[in-house]
Amino acid sequence: MRFMILVKSSEQAGPPPKALMDAVAKAGEEAAKSGKMLHSGGLAPTATSSRVRVSGGKVSIIDGPFTEAKEVVGGYAMFEFESKKEAIEAAREFMELHRQHWPGWEGESEIRQVCGPEDFRRA
């Protein structure tokens, strides 16, 4: 089963410490070598982002930063796991790296199973 793990936090936390980035790089290399991690990346700040929204029958484009955002997705990783339990454990280990290497940081990981077209076929 494929899972996407999203890491959310306040943009006000600033850039991550080098020790965390080193630990994340090592964990990422190990996960990629094992074939479990398919892809990962960090995301640019909302100040350089845009949103395209449909509301009231109209499409609008909003440029960042997004003042109403309290938490933003700062990074993601796509994995192939045997179970949701395995995905939860991987996210817990990743958040443990944040706890160890970025004192005072607060955030969360969201684990979402990835669905393909076969999951939406009508009988």
PDB file of N, CA and C in Angstrom:
ATOM      1  N   MET A   1       0.840  -1.177   0.000  1.00  0.00           N
ATOM      2  CA  MET A   1       0.000   0.000   0.000  1.00  0.00           C
ATOM      3  C   MET A   1       0.886   1.241   0.000  1.00  0.00           C
ATOM      4  N   ARG A   2       0.459   2.209  -0.758  1.00  0.00           N
ATOM      5  CA  ARG A   2       1.207   3.468  -0.786  1.00  0.00           C
ATOM      6  C   ARG A   2       0.614   4.453   0.209  1.00  0.00           C
ATOM      7  N   PHE A   3       1.527   5.175   0.841  1.00  0.00           N
ATOM      8  CA  PHE A   3       1.137   6.199   1.803  1.00  0.00           C
ATOM      9  C   PHE A   3       1.957   7.447   1.548  1.00  0.00           C
ATOM     10  N   MET A   4       1.314   8.601   1.704  1.00  0.00           N
ATOM     11  CA  MET A   4       2.024   9.867   1.693  1.00  0.00           C
ATOM     12  C   MET A   4       2.021  10.383   3.126  1.00  0.00           C
ATOM     13  N   ILE A   5       3.189  10.770   3.584  1.00  0.00           N
ATOM     14  CA  ILE A   5       3.308  11.364   4.912  1.00  0.00           C
ATOM     15  C   ILE A   5       3.638  12.837   4.709  1.00  0.00           C
ATOM     16  N   LEU A   6       2.781  13.698   5.256  1.00  0.00           N
ATOM     17  CA  LEU A   6       2.940  15.150   5.162  1.00  0.00           C
ATOM     18  C   LEU A   6       3.397  15.670   6.518  1.00  0.00           C
ATOM     19  N   VAL A   7       4.362  16.563   6.519  1.00  0.00           N
ATOM     20  CA  VAL A   7       4.838  17.172   7.763  1.00  0.00           C
ATOM     21  C   VAL A   7       4.339  18.605   7.793  1.00  0.00           C
ATOM     22  N   LYS A   8       3.633  18.934   8.873  1.00  0.00           N
ATOM     23  CA  LYS A   8       3.039  20.262   9.017  1.00  0.00           C
ATOM     24  C   LYS A   8       3.614  20.962  10.240  1.00  0.00           C
ATOM     25  N   SER A   9       3.824  22.271  10.102  1.00  0.00           N
ATOM     26  CA  SER A   9       4.241  23.091  11.231  1.00  0.00           C
ATOM     27  C   SER A   9       4.017  24.551  10.874  1.00  0.00           C
ATOM     28  N   SER A  10       4.321  25.403  11.807  1.00  0.00           N
ATOM     29  CA  SER A  10       4.248  26.838  11.567  1.00  0.00           C
ATOM     30  C   SER A  10       5.440  27.262  10.715  1.00  0.00           C
ATOM     31  N   GLU A  11       5.200  28.143   9.744  1.00  0.00           N
ATOM     32  CA  GLU A  11       6.323  28.678   8.963  1.00  0.00           C
ATOM     33  C   GLU A  11       7.207  29.574   9.812  1.00  0.00           C
ATOM     34  N   GLN A  12       6.689  30.025  10.930  1.00  0.00           N
ATOM     35  CA  GLN A  12       7.449  30.924  11.794  1.00  0.00           C
ATOM     36  C   GLN A  12       8.592  30.213  12.501  1.00  0.00           C
ATOM     37  N   ALA A  13       8.638  28.871  12.419  1.00  0.00           N
ATOM     38  CA  ALA A  13       9.690  28.110  13.094  1.00  0.00           C
ATOM     39  C   ALA A  13      11.056  28.366  12.470  1.00  0.00           C
ATOM     40  N   GLY A  14      11.075  28.816  11.228  1.00  0.00           N
ATOM     41  CA  GLY A  14      12.340  29.085  10.553  1.00  0.00           C
ATOM     42  C   GLY A  14      12.923  27.827   9.937  1.00  0.00           C
ATOM     43  N   PRO A  15      14.131  27.958   9.384  1.00  0.00           N
ATOM     44  CA  PRO A  15      14.744  26.805   8.727  1.00  0.00           C
ATOM     45  C   PRO A  15      15.177  25.749   9.751  1.00  0.00           C
ATOM     46  N   PRO A  16      15.136  24.476   9.355  1.00  0.00           N
ATOM     47  CA  PRO A  16      15.525  23.407  10.281  1.00  0.00           C
ATOM     48  C   PRO A  16      17.028  23.430  10.560  1.00  0.00           C
ATOM     49  N   PRO A  17      17.426  22.973  11.745  1.00  0.00           N
ATOM     50  CA  PRO A  17      18.847  22.916  12.080  1.00  0.00           C
ATOM     51  C   PRO A  17      19.586  21.879  11.228  1.00  0.00           C
ATOM     52  N   LYS A  18      20.878  22.091  11.038  1.00  0.00           N
ATOM     53  CA  LYS A  18      21.695  21.180  10.240  1.00  0.00           C
ATOM     54  C   LYS A  18      21.658  19.765  10.812  1.00  0.00           C
ATOM     55  N   ALA A  19      21.685  19.623  12.119  1.00  0.00           N
ATOM     56  CA  ALA A  19      21.665  18.288  12.737  1.00  0.00           C
ATOM     57  C   ALA A  19      20.407  17.519  12.326  1.00  0.00           C
ATOM     58  N   LEU A  20      19.285  18.205  12.258  1.00  0.00           N
ATOM     59  CA  LEU A  20      18.053  17.548  11.822  1.00  0.00           C
ATOM     60  C   LEU A  20      18.148  17.168  10.356  1.00  0.00           C
ATOM     61  N   MET A  21      18.625  18.073   9.535  1.00  0.00           N
ATOM     62  CA  MET A  21      18.722  17.779   8.104  1.00  0.00           C
ATOM     63  C   MET A  21      19.666  16.603   7.846  1.00  0.00           C
ATOM     64  N   ASP A  22      20.751  16.518   8.611  1.00  0.00           N
ATOM     65  CA  ASP A  22      21.667  15.383   8.475  1.00  0.00           C
ATOM     66  C   ASP A  22      20.985  14.082   8.870  1.00  0.00           C
ATOM     67  N   ALA A  23      20.243  14.097   9.977  1.00  0.00           N
ATOM     68  CA  ALA A  23      19.536  12.899  10.440  1.00  0.00           C
ATOM     69  C   ALA A  23      18.449  12.492   9.452  1.00  0.00           C
ATOM     70  N   VAL A  24      17.734  13.468   8.897  1.00  0.00           N
ATOM     71  CA  VAL A  24      16.687  13.187   7.911  1.00  0.00           C
ATOM     72  C   VAL A  24      17.306  12.606   6.640  1.00  0.00           C
ATOM     73  N   ALA A  25      18.448  13.152   6.208  1.00  0.00           N
ATOM     74  CA  ALA A  25      19.119  12.644   5.011  1.00  0.00           C
ATOM     75  C   ALA A  25      19.537  11.186   5.204  1.00  0.00           C
ATOM     76  N   LYS A  26      20.087  10.875   6.365  1.00  0.00           N
ATOM     77  CA  LYS A  26      20.507   9.499   6.651  1.00  0.00           C
ATOM     78  C   LYS A  26      19.306   8.554   6.656  1.00  0.00           C
ATOM     79  N   ALA A  27      18.230   8.945   7.334  1.00  0.00           N
ATOM     80  CA  ALA A  27      17.031   8.116   7.377  1.00  0.00           C
ATOM     81  C   ALA A  27      16.437   7.944   5.984  1.00  0.00           C
ATOM     82  N   GLY A  28      16.455   9.012   5.182  1.00  0.00           N
ATOM     83  CA  GLY A  28      15.940   8.953   3.818  1.00  0.00           C
ATOM     84  C   GLY A  28      16.739   8.010   2.939  1.00  0.00           C
ATOM     85  N   GLU A  29      18.065   8.046   3.084  1.00  0.00           N
ATOM     86  CA  GLU A  29      18.920   7.135   2.313  1.00  0.00           C
ATOM     87  C   GLU A  29      18.609   5.684   2.649  1.00  0.00           C
ATOM     88  N   GLU A  30      18.460   5.404   3.941  1.00  0.00           N
ATOM     89  CA  GLU A  30      18.151   4.036   4.372  1.00  0.00           C
ATOM     90  C   GLU A  30      16.784   3.590   3.854  1.00  0.00           C
ATOM     91  N   ALA A  31      15.790   4.467   3.934  1.00  0.00           N
ATOM     92  CA  ALA A  31      14.446   4.123   3.463  1.00  0.00           C
ATOM     93  C   ALA A  31      14.412   3.927   1.952  1.00  0.00           C
ATOM     94  N   ALA A  32      15.182   4.726   1.224  1.00  0.00           N
ATOM     95  CA  ALA A  32      15.237   4.585  -0.231  1.00  0.00           C
ATOM     96  C   ALA A  32      15.945   3.286  -0.622  1.00  0.00           C
ATOM     97  N   LYS A  33      17.048   2.964   0.055  1.00  0.00           N
ATOM     98  CA  LYS A  33      17.776   1.719  -0.226  1.00  0.00           C
ATOM     99  C   LYS A  33      16.907   0.493   0.019  1.00  0.00           C
ATOM    100  N   SER A  34      16.059   0.547   1.049  1.00  0.00           N
ATOM    101  CA  SER A  34      15.186  -0.586   1.363  1.00  0.00           C
ATOM    102  C   SER A  34      14.015  -0.697   0.386  1.00  0.00           C
ATOM    103  N   GLY A  35      13.826   0.343  -0.437  1.00  0.00           N
ATOM    104  CA  GLY A  35      12.723   0.344  -1.395  1.00  0.00           C
ATOM    105  C   GLY A  35      11.409   0.837  -0.824  1.00  0.00           C
ATOM    106  N   LYS A  36      11.415   1.248   0.433  1.00  0.00           N
ATOM    107  CA  LYS A  36      10.167   1.709   1.071  1.00  0.00           C
ATOM    108  C   LYS A  36       9.838   3.147   0.705  1.00  0.00           C
ATOM    109  N   MET A  37      10.851   4.027   0.640  1.00  0.00           N
ATOM    110  CA  MET A  37      10.584   5.425   0.296  1.00  0.00           C
ATOM    111  C   MET A  37      10.718   5.584  -1.208  1.00  0.00           C
ATOM    112  N   LEU A  38       9.660   6.063  -1.829  1.00  0.00           N
ATOM    113  CA  LEU A  38       9.617   6.229  -3.271  1.00  0.00           C
ATOM    114  C   LEU A  38      10.052   7.622  -3.706  1.00  0.00           C
ATOM    115  N   HIS A  39       9.726   8.628  -2.887  1.00  0.00           N
ATOM    116  CA  HIS A  39      10.041  10.013  -3.239  1.00  0.00           C
ATOM    117  C   HIS A  39       9.837  10.873  -2.001  1.00  0.00           C
ATOM    118  N   SER A  40      10.587  11.968  -1.902  1.00  0.00           N
ATOM    119  CA  SER A  40      10.387  12.903  -0.791  1.00  0.00           C
ATOM    120  C   SER A  40      10.872  14.280  -1.200  1.00  0.00           C
ATOM    121  N   GLY A  41      10.481  15.277  -0.435  1.00  0.00           N
ATOM    122  CA  GLY A  41      10.941  16.627  -0.706  1.00  0.00           C
ATOM    123  C   GLY A  41      10.417  17.618   0.314  1.00  0.00           C
ATOM    124  N   GLY A  42      11.113  18.722   0.403  1.00  0.00           N
ATOM    125  CA  GLY A  42      10.658  19.843   1.212  1.00  0.00           C
ATOM    126  C   GLY A  42       9.934  20.825   0.306  1.00  0.00           C
ATOM    127  N   LEU A  43       9.113  21.654   0.883  1.00  0.00           N
ATOM    128  CA  LEU A  43       8.329  22.609   0.106  1.00  0.00           C
ATOM    129  C   LEU A  43       8.748  24.033   0.436  1.00  0.00           C
ATOM    130  N   ALA A  44       8.758  24.879  -0.585  1.00  0.00           N
ATOM    131  CA  ALA A  44       9.132  26.287  -0.433  1.00  0.00           C
ATOM    132  C   ALA A  44       8.109  27.007   0.454  1.00  0.00           C
ATOM    133  N   PRO A  45       8.489  28.104   1.050  1.00  0.00           N
ATOM    134  CA  PRO A  45       7.575  28.878   1.897  1.00  0.00           C
ATOM    135  C   PRO A  45       6.359  29.381   1.115  1.00  0.00           C
ATOM    136  N   THR A  46       5.277  29.645   1.829  1.00  0.00           N
ATOM    137  CA  THR A  46       4.059  30.120   1.168  1.00  0.00           C
ATOM    138  C   THR A  46       4.246  31.493   0.535  1.00  0.00           C
ATOM    139  N   ALA A  47       5.245  32.242   0.973  1.00  0.00           N
ATOM    140  CA  ALA A  47       5.496  33.563   0.387  1.00  0.00           C
ATOM    141  C   ALA A  47       5.792  33.463  -1.107  1.00  0.00           C
ATOM    142  N   THR A  48       6.299  32.318  -1.554  1.00  0.00           N
ATOM    143  CA  THR A  48       6.625  32.144  -2.971  1.00  0.00           C
ATOM    144  C   THR A  48       5.623  31.230  -3.672  1.00  0.00           C
ATOM    145  N   SER A  49       4.504  30.959  -3.015  1.00  0.00           N
ATOM    146  CA  SER A  49       3.517  30.014  -3.545  1.00  0.00           C
ATOM    147  C   SER A  49       2.267  30.730  -4.041  1.00  0.00           C
ATOM    148  N   SER A  50       1.435  29.984  -4.743  1.00  0.00           N
ATOM    149  CA  SER A  50       0.140  30.488  -5.214  1.00  0.00           C
ATOM    150  C   SER A  50      -0.914  29.417  -4.998  1.00  0.00           C
ATOM    151  N   ARG A  51      -2.151  29.849  -4.886  1.00  0.00           N
ATOM    152  CA  ARG A  51      -3.296  28.948  -4.808  1.00  0.00           C
ATOM    153  C   ARG A  51      -4.228  29.264  -5.965  1.00  0.00           C
ATOM    154  N   VAL A  52      -4.797  28.235  -6.537  1.00  0.00           N
ATOM    155  CA  VAL A  52      -5.826  28.400  -7.562  1.00  0.00           C
ATOM    156  C   VAL A  52      -7.092  27.829  -6.953  1.00  0.00           C
ATOM    157  N   ARG A  53      -8.126  28.650  -6.831  1.00  0.00           N
ATOM    158  CA  ARG A  53      -9.333  28.293  -6.088  1.00  0.00           C
ATOM    159  C   ARG A  53     -10.563  28.423  -6.970  1.00  0.00           C
ATOM    160  N   VAL A  54     -11.502  27.495  -6.773  1.00  0.00           N
ATOM    161  CA  VAL A  54     -12.822  27.606  -7.387  1.00  0.00           C
ATOM    162  C   VAL A  54     -13.801  27.925  -6.257  1.00  0.00           C
ATOM    163  N   SER A  55     -14.490  29.030  -6.389  1.00  0.00           N
ATOM    164  CA  SER A  55     -15.463  29.448  -5.381  1.00  0.00           C
ATOM    165  C   SER A  55     -16.526  30.297  -6.058  1.00  0.00           C
ATOM    166  N   GLY A  56     -17.782  30.025  -5.753  1.00  0.00           N
ATOM    167  CA  GLY A  56     -18.871  30.798  -6.343  1.00  0.00           C
ATOM    168  C   GLY A  56     -18.899  30.705  -7.861  1.00  0.00           C
ATOM    169  N   GLY A  57     -18.442  29.582  -8.404  1.00  0.00           N
ATOM    170  CA  GLY A  57     -18.448  29.393  -9.847  1.00  0.00           C
ATOM    171  C   GLY A  57     -17.334  30.113 -10.588  1.00  0.00           C
ATOM    172  N   LYS A  58     -16.379  30.680  -9.848  1.00  0.00           N
ATOM    173  CA  LYS A  58     -15.270  31.409 -10.478  1.00  0.00           C
ATOM    174  C   LYS A  58     -13.939  30.818 -10.036  1.00  0.00           C
ATOM    175  N   VAL A  59     -12.965  30.913 -10.934  1.00  0.00           N
ATOM    176  CA  VAL A  59     -11.604  30.480 -10.627  1.00  0.00           C
ATOM    177  C   VAL A  59     -10.781  31.720 -10.306  1.00  0.00           C
ATOM    178  N   SER A  60     -10.077  31.683  -9.185  1.00  0.00           N
ATOM    179  CA  SER A  60      -9.229  32.816  -8.815  1.00  0.00           C
ATOM    180  C   SER A  60      -7.841  32.307  -8.442  1.00  0.00           C
ATOM    181  N   ILE A  61      -6.874  33.198  -8.552  1.00  0.00           N
ATOM    182  CA  ILE A  61      -5.491  32.884  -8.208  1.00  0.00           C
ATOM    183  C   ILE A  61      -5.082  33.798  -7.068  1.00  0.00           C
ATOM    184  N   ILE A  62      -4.552  33.205  -6.009  1.00  0.00           N
ATOM    185  CA  ILE A  62      -4.123  33.955  -4.838  1.00  0.00           C
ATOM    186  C   ILE A  62      -2.634  33.701  -4.637  1.00  0.00           C
ATOM    187  N   ASP A  63      -1.842  34.756  -4.590  1.00  0.00           N
ATOM    188  CA  ASP A  63      -0.412  34.618  -4.346  1.00  0.00           C
ATOM    189  C   ASP A  63      -0.129  34.669  -2.855  1.00  0.00           C
ATOM    190  N   GLY A  64       0.881  33.903  -2.428  1.00  0.00           N
ATOM    191  CA  GLY A  64       1.282  33.862  -1.030  1.00  0.00           C
ATOM    192  C   GLY A  64       2.019  35.127  -0.642  1.00  0.00           C
ATOM    193  N   PRO A  65       2.283  35.337   0.614  1.00  0.00           N
ATOM    194  CA  PRO A  65       2.016  34.402   1.703  1.00  0.00           C
ATOM    195  C   PRO A  65       0.536  34.370   2.063  1.00  0.00           C
ATOM    196  N   PHE A  66       0.130  33.278   2.680  1.00  0.00           N
ATOM    197  CA  PHE A  66      -1.270  33.081   3.037  1.00  0.00           C
ATOM    198  C   PHE A  66      -1.428  33.369   4.527  1.00  0.00           C
ATOM    199  N   THR A  67      -1.905  34.549   4.839  1.00  0.00           N
ATOM    200  CA  THR A  67      -1.961  35.005   6.227  1.00  0.00           C
ATOM    201  C   THR A  67      -2.868  34.156   7.090  1.00  0.00           C
ATOM    202  N   GLU A  68      -3.889  33.528   6.498  1.00  0.00           N
ATOM    203  CA  GLU A  68      -4.805  32.734   7.316  1.00  0.00           C
ATOM    204  C   GLU A  68      -4.241  31.372   7.689  1.00  0.00           C
ATOM    205  N   ALA A  69      -3.121  30.978   7.114  1.00  0.00           N
ATOM    206  CA  ALA A  69      -2.538  29.663   7.375  1.00  0.00           C
ATOM    207  C   ALA A  69      -1.801  29.664   8.714  1.00  0.00           C
ATOM    208  N   LYS A  70      -2.274  28.852   9.648  1.00  0.00           N
ATOM    209  CA  LYS A  70      -1.597  28.707  10.927  1.00  0.00           C
ATOM    210  C   LYS A  70      -0.510  27.645  10.825  1.00  0.00           C
ATOM    211  N   GLU A  71      -0.800  26.566  10.116  1.00  0.00           N
ATOM    212  CA  GLU A  71       0.170  25.514   9.849  1.00  0.00           C
ATOM    213  C   GLU A  71       0.211  25.267   8.357  1.00  0.00           C
ATOM    214  N   VAL A  72       1.376  24.941   7.861  1.00  0.00           N
ATOM    215  CA  VAL A  72       1.524  24.646   6.439  1.00  0.00           C
ATOM    216  C   VAL A  72       2.270  23.327   6.278  1.00  0.00           C
ATOM    217  N   VAL A  73       2.081  22.701   5.128  1.00  0.00           N
ATOM    218  CA  VAL A  73       2.831  21.499   4.810  1.00  0.00           C
ATOM    219  C   VAL A  73       4.235  21.934   4.402  1.00  0.00           C
ATOM    220  N   GLY A  74       5.225  21.454   5.123  1.00  0.00           N
ATOM    221  CA  GLY A  74       6.596  21.847   4.854  1.00  0.00           C
ATOM    222  C   GLY A  74       7.385  20.797   4.090  1.00  0.00           C
ATOM    223  N   GLY A  75       6.860  19.574   4.052  1.00  0.00           N
ATOM    224  CA  GLY A  75       7.546  18.509   3.350  1.00  0.00           C
ATOM    225  C   GLY A  75       6.652  17.293   3.229  1.00  0.00           C
ATOM    226  N   TYR A  76       7.103  16.350   2.432  1.00  0.00           N
ATOM    227  CA  TYR A  76       6.307  15.147   2.192  1.00  0.00           C
ATOM    228  C   TYR A  76       7.235  14.000   1.826  1.00  0.00           C
ATOM    229  N   ALA A  77       6.714  12.794   1.935  1.00  0.00           N
ATOM    230  CA  ALA A  77       7.419  11.606   1.452  1.00  0.00           C
ATOM    231  C   ALA A  77       6.368  10.583   1.043  1.00  0.00           C
ATOM    232  N   MET A  78       6.653   9.874  -0.027  1.00  0.00           N
ATOM    233  CA  MET A  78       5.780   8.817  -0.525  1.00  0.00           C
ATOM    234  C   MET A  78       6.462   7.485  -0.233  1.00  0.00           C
ATOM    235  N   PHE A  79       5.708   6.561   0.372  1.00  0.00           N
ATOM    236  CA  PHE A  79       6.244   5.273   0.785  1.00  0.00           C
ATOM    237  C   PHE A  79       5.398   4.121   0.261  1.00  0.00           C
ATOM    238  N   GLU A  80       6.027   2.968   0.206  1.00  0.00           N
ATOM    239  CA  GLU A  80       5.335   1.702  -0.039  1.00  0.00           C
ATOM    240  C   GLU A  80       5.492   0.888   1.243  1.00  0.00           C
ATOM    241  N   PHE A  81       4.367   0.653   1.936  1.00  0.00           N
ATOM    242  CA  PHE A  81       4.375  -0.099   3.188  1.00  0.00           C
ATOM    243  C   PHE A  81       3.403  -1.263   3.098  1.00  0.00           C
ATOM    244  N   GLU A  82       3.586  -2.218   3.987  1.00  0.00           N
ATOM    245  CA  GLU A  82       2.693  -3.378   4.063  1.00  0.00           C
ATOM    246  C   GLU A  82       1.375  -3.040   4.751  1.00  0.00           C
ATOM    247  N   SER A  83       1.399  -2.019   5.624  1.00  0.00           N
ATOM    248  CA  SER A  83       0.202  -1.714   6.412  1.00  0.00           C
ATOM    249  C   SER A  83       0.219  -0.263   6.879  1.00  0.00           C
ATOM    250  N   LYS A  84      -0.941   0.194   7.324  1.00  0.00           N
ATOM    251  CA  LYS A  84      -1.028   1.529   7.916  1.00  0.00           C
ATOM    252  C   LYS A  84      -0.213   1.585   9.202  1.00  0.00           C
ATOM    253  N   LYS A  85      -0.196   0.478   9.935  1.00  0.00           N
ATOM    254  CA  LYS A  85       0.589   0.412  11.169  1.00  0.00           C
ATOM    255  C   LYS A  85       2.063   0.710  10.888  1.00  0.00           C
ATOM    256  N   GLU A  86       2.597   0.159   9.806  1.00  0.00           N
ATOM    257  CA  GLU A  86       3.985   0.409   9.428  1.00  0.00           C
ATOM    258  C   GLU A  86       4.186   1.887   9.056  1.00  0.00           C
ATOM    259  N   ALA A  87       3.203   2.484   8.392  1.00  0.00           N
ATOM    260  CA  ALA A  87       3.282   3.905   8.029  1.00  0.00           C
ATOM    261  C   ALA A  87       3.290   4.781   9.283  1.00  0.00           C
ATOM    262  N   ILE A  88       2.460   4.440  10.241  1.00  0.00           N
ATOM    263  CA  ILE A  88       2.403   5.205  11.493  1.00  0.00           C
ATOM    264  C   ILE A  88       3.742   5.121  12.225  1.00  0.00           C
ATOM    265  N   GLU A  89       4.339   3.937  12.253  1.00  0.00           N
ATOM    266  CA  GLU A  89       5.624   3.777  12.932  1.00  0.00           C
ATOM    267  C   GLU A  89       6.714   4.593  12.235  1.00  0.00           C
ATOM    268  N   ALA A  90       6.710   4.614  10.915  1.00  0.00           N
ATOM    269  CA  ALA A  90       7.696   5.413  10.177  1.00  0.00           C
ATOM    270  C   ALA A  90       7.523   6.901  10.486  1.00  0.00           C
ATOM    271  N   ALA A  91       6.285   7.370  10.545  1.00  0.00           N
ATOM    272  CA  ALA A  91       6.031   8.781  10.867  1.00  0.00           C
ATOM    273  C   ALA A  91       6.463   9.089  12.297  1.00  0.00           C
ATOM    274  N   ARG A  92       6.217   8.162  13.213  1.00  0.00           N
ATOM    275  CA  ARG A  92       6.630   8.360  14.603  1.00  0.00           C
ATOM    276  C   ARG A  92       8.151   8.491  14.689  1.00  0.00           C
ATOM    277  N   GLU A  93       8.876   7.624  13.981  1.00  0.00           N
ATOM    278  CA  GLU A  93      10.335   7.693  13.989  1.00  0.00           C
ATOM    279  C   GLU A  93      10.826   9.015  13.386  1.00  0.00           C
ATOM    280  N   PHE A  94      10.168   9.478  12.335  1.00  0.00           N
ATOM    281  CA  PHE A  94      10.550  10.744  11.704  1.00  0.00           C
ATOM    282  C   PHE A  94      10.322  11.916  12.651  1.00  0.00           C
ATOM    283  N   MET A  95       9.195  11.894  13.344  1.00  0.00           N
ATOM    284  CA  MET A  95       8.917  12.974  14.288  1.00  0.00           C
ATOM    285  C   MET A  95       9.855  12.911  15.489  1.00  0.00           C
ATOM    286  N   GLU A  96      10.299  11.723  15.835  1.00  0.00           N
ATOM    287  CA  GLU A  96      11.279  11.575  16.912  1.00  0.00           C
ATOM    288  C   GLU A  96      12.584  12.281  16.529  1.00  0.00           C
ATOM    289  N   LEU A  97      12.974  12.229  15.253  1.00  0.00           N
ATOM    290  CA  LEU A  97      14.164  12.967  14.805  1.00  0.00           C
ATOM    291  C   LEU A  97      13.980  14.462  15.042  1.00  0.00           C
ATOM    292  N   HIS A  98      12.784  14.966  14.768  1.00  0.00           N
ATOM    293  CA  HIS A  98      12.512  16.390  15.009  1.00  0.00           C
ATOM    294  C   HIS A  98      12.625  16.707  16.500  1.00  0.00           C
ATOM    295  N   ARG A  99      12.054  15.849  17.343  1.00  0.00           N
ATOM    296  CA  ARG A  99      12.110  16.080  18.791  1.00  0.00           C
ATOM    297  C   ARG A  99      13.552  16.115  19.274  1.00  0.00           C
ATOM    298  N   GLN A 100      14.371  15.197  18.770  1.00  0.00           N
ATOM    299  CA  GLN A 100      15.763  15.099  19.221  1.00  0.00           C
ATOM    300  C   GLN A 100      16.634  16.253  18.710  1.00  0.00           C
ATOM    301  N   HIS A 101      16.432  16.656  17.474  1.00  0.00           N
ATOM    302  CA  HIS A 101      17.372  17.578  16.828  1.00  0.00           C
ATOM    303  C   HIS A 101      16.869  19.017  16.669  1.00  0.00           C
ATOM    304  N   TRP A 102      15.618  19.281  17.065  1.00  0.00           N
ATOM    305  CA  TRP A 102      15.081  20.643  16.944  1.00  0.00           C
ATOM    306  C   TRP A 102      14.275  20.973  18.198  1.00  0.00           C
ATOM    307  N   PRO A 103      14.966  21.213  19.321  1.00  0.00           N
ATOM    308  CA  PRO A 103      14.266  21.505  20.575  1.00  0.00           C
ATOM    309  C   PRO A 103      13.291  22.666  20.419  1.00  0.00           C
ATOM    310  N   GLY A 104      12.108  22.489  20.956  1.00  0.00           N
ATOM    311  CA  GLY A 104      11.093  23.540  20.906  1.00  0.00           C
ATOM    312  C   GLY A 104      10.219  23.508  19.666  1.00  0.00           C
ATOM    313  N   TRP A 105      10.614  22.754  18.635  1.00  0.00           N
ATOM    314  CA  TRP A 105       9.805  22.673  17.412  1.00  0.00           C
ATOM    315  C   TRP A 105       8.508  21.946  17.717  1.00  0.00           C
ATOM    316  N   GLU A 106       7.431  22.428  17.120  1.00  0.00           N
ATOM    317  CA  GLU A 106       6.139  21.759  17.245  1.00  0.00           C
ATOM    318  C   GLU A 106       5.543  21.574  15.864  1.00  0.00           C
ATOM    319  N   GLY A 107       4.987  20.413  15.637  1.00  0.00           N
ATOM    320  CA  GLY A 107       4.368  20.108  14.355  1.00  0.00           C
ATOM    321  C   GLY A 107       3.744  18.737  14.393  1.00  0.00           C
ATOM    322  N   GLU A 108       3.305  18.290  13.243  1.00  0.00           N
ATOM    323  CA  GLU A 108       2.665  16.985  13.167  1.00  0.00           C
ATOM    324  C   GLU A 108       2.886  16.367  11.795  1.00  0.00           C
ATOM    325  N   SER A 109       2.744  15.056  11.754  1.00  0.00           N
ATOM    326  CA  SER A 109       2.753  14.325  10.491  1.00  0.00           C
ATOM    327  C   SER A 109       1.340  13.831  10.230  1.00  0.00           C
ATOM    328  N   GLU A 110       0.931  13.937   8.994  1.00  0.00           N
ATOM    329  CA  GLU A 110      -0.361  13.399   8.569  1.00  0.00           C
ATOM    330  C   GLU A 110      -0.075  12.247   7.614  1.00  0.00           C
ATOM    331  N   ILE A 111      -0.682  11.116   7.868  1.00  0.00           N
ATOM    332  CA  ILE A 111      -0.457   9.914   7.073  1.00  0.00           C
ATOM    333  C   ILE A 111      -1.704   9.666   6.242  1.00  0.00           C
ATOM    334  N   ARG A 112      -1.556   9.650   4.922  1.00  0.00           N
ATOM    335  CA  ARG A 112      -2.694   9.458   4.024  1.00  0.00           C
ATOM    336  C   ARG A 112      -2.391   8.331   3.059  1.00  0.00           C
ATOM    337  N   GLN A 113      -3.288   7.362   2.966  1.00  0.00           N
ATOM    338  CA  GLN A 113      -3.115   6.307   1.977  1.00  0.00           C
ATOM    339  C   GLN A 113      -3.383   6.898   0.602  1.00  0.00           C
ATOM    340  N   VAL A 114      -2.560   6.518  -0.360  1.00  0.00           N
ATOM    341  CA  VAL A 114      -2.702   7.004  -1.731  1.00  0.00           C
ATOM    342  C   VAL A 114      -3.653   6.072  -2.469  1.00  0.00           C
ATOM    343  N   CYS A 115      -4.656   6.655  -3.104  1.00  0.00           N
ATOM    344  CA  CYS A 115      -5.647   5.890  -3.858  1.00  0.00           C
ATOM    345  C   CYS A 115      -5.417   6.091  -5.338  1.00  0.00           C
ATOM    346  N   GLY A 116      -5.606   5.030  -6.105  1.00  0.00           N
ATOM    347  CA  GLY A 116      -5.468   5.107  -7.547  1.00  0.00           C
ATOM    348  C   GLY A 116      -6.824   5.059  -8.218  1.00  0.00           C
ATOM    349  N   PRO A 117      -6.855   5.148  -9.545  1.00  0.00           N
ATOM    350  CA  PRO A 117      -8.131   5.125 -10.286  1.00  0.00           C
ATOM    351  C   PRO A 117      -8.981   3.903  -9.963  1.00  0.00           C
ATOM    352  N   GLU A 118      -8.312   2.770  -9.705  1.00  0.00           N
ATOM    353  CA  GLU A 118      -9.057   1.541  -9.387  1.00  0.00           C
ATOM    354  C   GLU A 118      -9.884   1.677  -8.124  1.00  0.00           C
ATOM    355  N   ASP A 119      -9.523   2.597  -7.238  1.00  0.00           N
ATOM    356  CA  ASP A 119     -10.263   2.798  -5.999  1.00  0.00           C
ATOM    357  C   ASP A 119     -11.549   3.593  -6.211  1.00  0.00           C
ATOM    358  N   PHE A 120     -11.721   4.164  -7.395  1.00  0.00           N
ATOM    359  CA  PHE A 120     -12.879   5.023  -7.657  1.00  0.00           C
ATOM    360  C   PHE A 120     -13.772   4.497  -8.775  1.00  0.00           C
ATOM    361  N   ARG A 121     -13.499   3.301  -9.268  1.00  0.00           N
ATOM    362  CA  ARG A 121     -14.336   2.736 -10.340  1.00  0.00           C
ATOM    363  C   ARG A 121     -15.711   2.420  -9.792  1.00  0.00           C
ATOM    364  N   ARG A 122     -16.698   2.712 -10.619  1.00  0.00           N
ATOM    365  CA  ARG A 122     -18.087   2.414 -10.231  1.00  0.00           C
ATOM    366  C   ARG A 122     -18.456   1.049 -10.777  1.00  0.00           C
ATOM    367  N   ALA A 123     -19.220   0.322 -10.012  1.00  0.00           N
ATOM    368  CA  ALA A 123     -19.639  -1.031 -10.430  1.00  0.00           C
ATOM    369  C   ALA A 123     -20.717  -0.964 -11.482  1.00  0.00           C
TER     370      ALA A 123
END
